[in-house]
Protein backbone atom coordinates (compact mmCIF):
# COMPACT_ATOMS: atom_id res chain seq x y z
CA MET A 1 103.35 94.37 48.86
CA GLY A 2 101.57 91.25 49.35
CA LEU A 3 99.40 89.93 52.43
CA GLY A 4 102.59 88.08 53.71
CA GLY A 5 104.53 91.41 53.74
CA ALA A 6 101.72 93.18 55.52
CA TRP A 7 101.69 90.35 58.05
CA LYS A 8 105.18 91.18 59.19
CA LEU A 9 104.70 95.12 59.51
CA PRO A 10 103.45 96.95 62.52
CA LEU A 11 100.15 98.52 62.11
CA SER A 12 99.89 102.10 63.23
CA GLY A 13 96.84 103.38 65.15
CA ALA A 14 95.52 99.74 65.66
CA GLY A 15 93.57 98.40 68.64
CA PRO A 16 94.64 96.06 71.40
CA ALA A 17 94.95 92.89 69.33
CA THR A 18 97.44 94.57 67.29
CA THR A 19 99.27 95.61 70.13
CA VAL A 20 99.74 92.01 71.35
CA LEU A 21 101.05 90.95 67.99
CA TYR A 22 103.34 93.86 67.46
CA GLY A 23 104.16 94.96 70.86
CA SER A 24 107.48 93.38 70.59
CA VAL A 25 108.35 95.79 67.89
CA GLN A 26 107.44 98.68 70.01
CA VAL A 27 109.40 97.40 73.07
CA GLU A 28 112.41 96.70 70.89
CA ARG A 29 112.35 100.36 69.75
CA GLU A 30 112.10 101.59 73.15
CA ALA A 31 114.96 99.36 74.13
CA GLU A 32 117.03 100.93 71.32
CA GLN A 33 116.10 104.36 72.45
CA VAL A 34 117.49 103.67 76.06
CA GLU A 35 120.62 102.22 74.30
CA ARG A 36 121.21 105.39 72.52
CA GLN A 37 120.64 107.26 75.98
CA ILE A 38 123.34 105.16 77.49
CA GLN A 39 125.86 105.86 74.53
CA LYS A 40 125.39 109.50 75.05
CA LEU A 41 125.76 109.33 78.79
CA LEU A 42 128.89 107.42 78.22
CA HIS A 43 130.31 110.02 75.94
CA ARG A 44 129.39 112.66 78.55
CA VAL A 45 131.28 110.82 81.30
CA VAL A 46 134.33 110.62 79.15
CA GLU A 47 134.24 114.39 78.67
CA ALA A 48 133.12 115.45 82.25
CA GLY A 49 136.01 116.54 84.62
CA SER A 50 134.18 116.54 87.90
CA ASP A 51 133.94 113.16 89.86
CA ALA A 52 130.51 114.36 91.21
CA VAL A 53 129.16 114.83 87.69
CA ILE A 54 130.38 111.34 86.77
CA LYS A 55 128.99 109.62 89.64
CA VAL A 56 125.52 111.13 88.55
CA TYR A 57 126.00 109.98 85.28
CA GLU A 58 126.94 106.33 86.31
CA LYS A 59 123.93 106.14 88.43
CA ARG A 60 121.91 107.37 85.38
CA ILE A 61 123.52 104.83 83.27
CA ALA A 62 122.98 102.00 85.70
CA THR A 63 119.28 102.87 85.81
CA LEU A 64 119.03 102.87 82.05
CA GLU A 65 120.81 99.64 81.77
CA ARG A 66 118.36 97.94 84.00
CA GLN A 67 115.42 99.56 82.10
CA ALA A 68 117.07 98.17 78.82
CA LEU A 69 117.35 94.66 80.21
CA VAL A 70 113.72 94.70 81.34
CA LEU A 71 112.63 95.98 77.78
CA ARG A 72 114.68 93.19 76.11
CA GLU A 73 113.07 90.46 78.36
CA LYS A 74 109.71 92.02 77.79
CA SER A 75 110.14 91.85 74.03
CA GLU A 76 111.14 88.10 74.07
CA LYS A 77 108.08 87.33 76.02
CA THR A 78 105.77 89.38 73.93
CA ALA A 79 103.29 87.15 71.76
CA ARG A 80 104.42 86.61 68.24
CA PRO A 81 102.48 84.53 65.48
CA LYS A 82 103.39 80.92 66.18
CA GLN A 83 103.03 79.92 62.56
CA PRO A 84 104.01 81.61 59.32
CA PHE A 85 101.58 83.52 57.43
CA ASP A 86 101.26 81.12 54.43
CA GLU A 87 100.31 78.23 56.73
CA LEU A 88 97.62 80.32 58.56
CA PHE A 89 96.30 81.68 55.36
CA GLU A 90 95.94 78.30 53.86
CA LEU A 91 94.09 77.27 56.98
CA ALA A 92 91.66 80.07 56.91
CA VAL A 93 91.13 79.38 53.08
CA GLN A 94 90.29 75.71 53.76
CA PHE A 95 87.83 76.68 56.39
CA LEU A 96 86.18 79.20 54.52
CA ALA A 97 85.94 76.68 51.52
CA ASN A 98 83.94 74.14 53.50
CA PRO A 99 82.45 75.51 56.87
CA SER A 100 80.02 72.51 56.90
CA LYS A 101 83.08 70.23 57.50
CA LEU A 102 83.63 72.16 60.83
CA TRP A 103 79.98 72.15 61.57
CA ALA A 104 79.87 68.43 61.34
CA SER A 105 82.58 67.86 63.85
CA GLY A 106 79.76 68.44 66.41
CA LYS A 107 81.75 70.60 68.91
CA MET A 108 79.62 73.49 70.41
CA GLU A 109 82.61 76.07 70.08
CA HIS A 110 83.12 75.13 66.32
CA ARG A 111 79.43 75.59 65.55
CA ASN A 112 79.23 78.81 67.26
CA LEU A 113 82.51 80.05 65.18
CA VAL A 114 80.86 78.98 62.19
CA LEU A 115 77.51 80.91 62.94
CA ARG A 116 79.45 83.98 64.02
CA LEU A 117 81.37 84.05 60.76
CA THR A 118 78.43 83.23 58.57
CA PHE A 119 75.92 85.69 60.08
CA ALA A 120 76.55 89.36 60.91
CA GLU A 121 74.02 89.35 63.76
CA ARG A 122 72.65 86.89 66.07
CA LEU A 123 70.02 84.57 64.60
CA CYS A 124 66.45 85.43 65.65
CA TYR A 125 64.26 82.14 66.74
CA CYS A 126 60.58 82.14 66.41
CA ALA A 127 58.69 79.22 68.33
CA GLU A 128 56.31 78.64 65.49
CA SER A 129 58.48 78.92 62.38
CA GLY A 130 62.05 78.17 63.62
CA PHE A 131 65.16 80.28 62.84
CA ARG A 132 64.73 83.39 60.85
CA THR A 133 67.59 84.98 58.89
C-alpha cells in the first residue's frame, strides 16, 4: 500500500490530530451500530404479543433513531482533508525542495515554519557571536 492508500485509512491508537481527520469514520461506525440495534428491535416488535412491550420497544426505537440522526449529522460536519493526497504531497515536496523561497516571502509565520521544520530545537542566540546551532 502506498502513501495515498494510507491517507484514506483510519489510524488505530493515534492522537487527537488523527481523531479530527478520521473522526467521521468512527461516527459512521457508531451510526451503523445504532441502525443494527434499531433493526433488531423492529424484529422484536413484530414478534412481541403484548402492547406494553411493543410500546417500550417503540420508545427505544425512537430514541435510537434520534441518536442515529445526530451521529449522521456529526459525521457530515467532521473535518475531512479538503484536498486529495496527491495535491498535498506535491505541495509538501515543493516546499521541502526549496524552503528559502518561503523564507524570502518575508512573512513572519512562514519564517517561523521554516525554522521549526529545519531545526529540531530552538536556536540559541549569543549576543557576541550571533545564532548558534
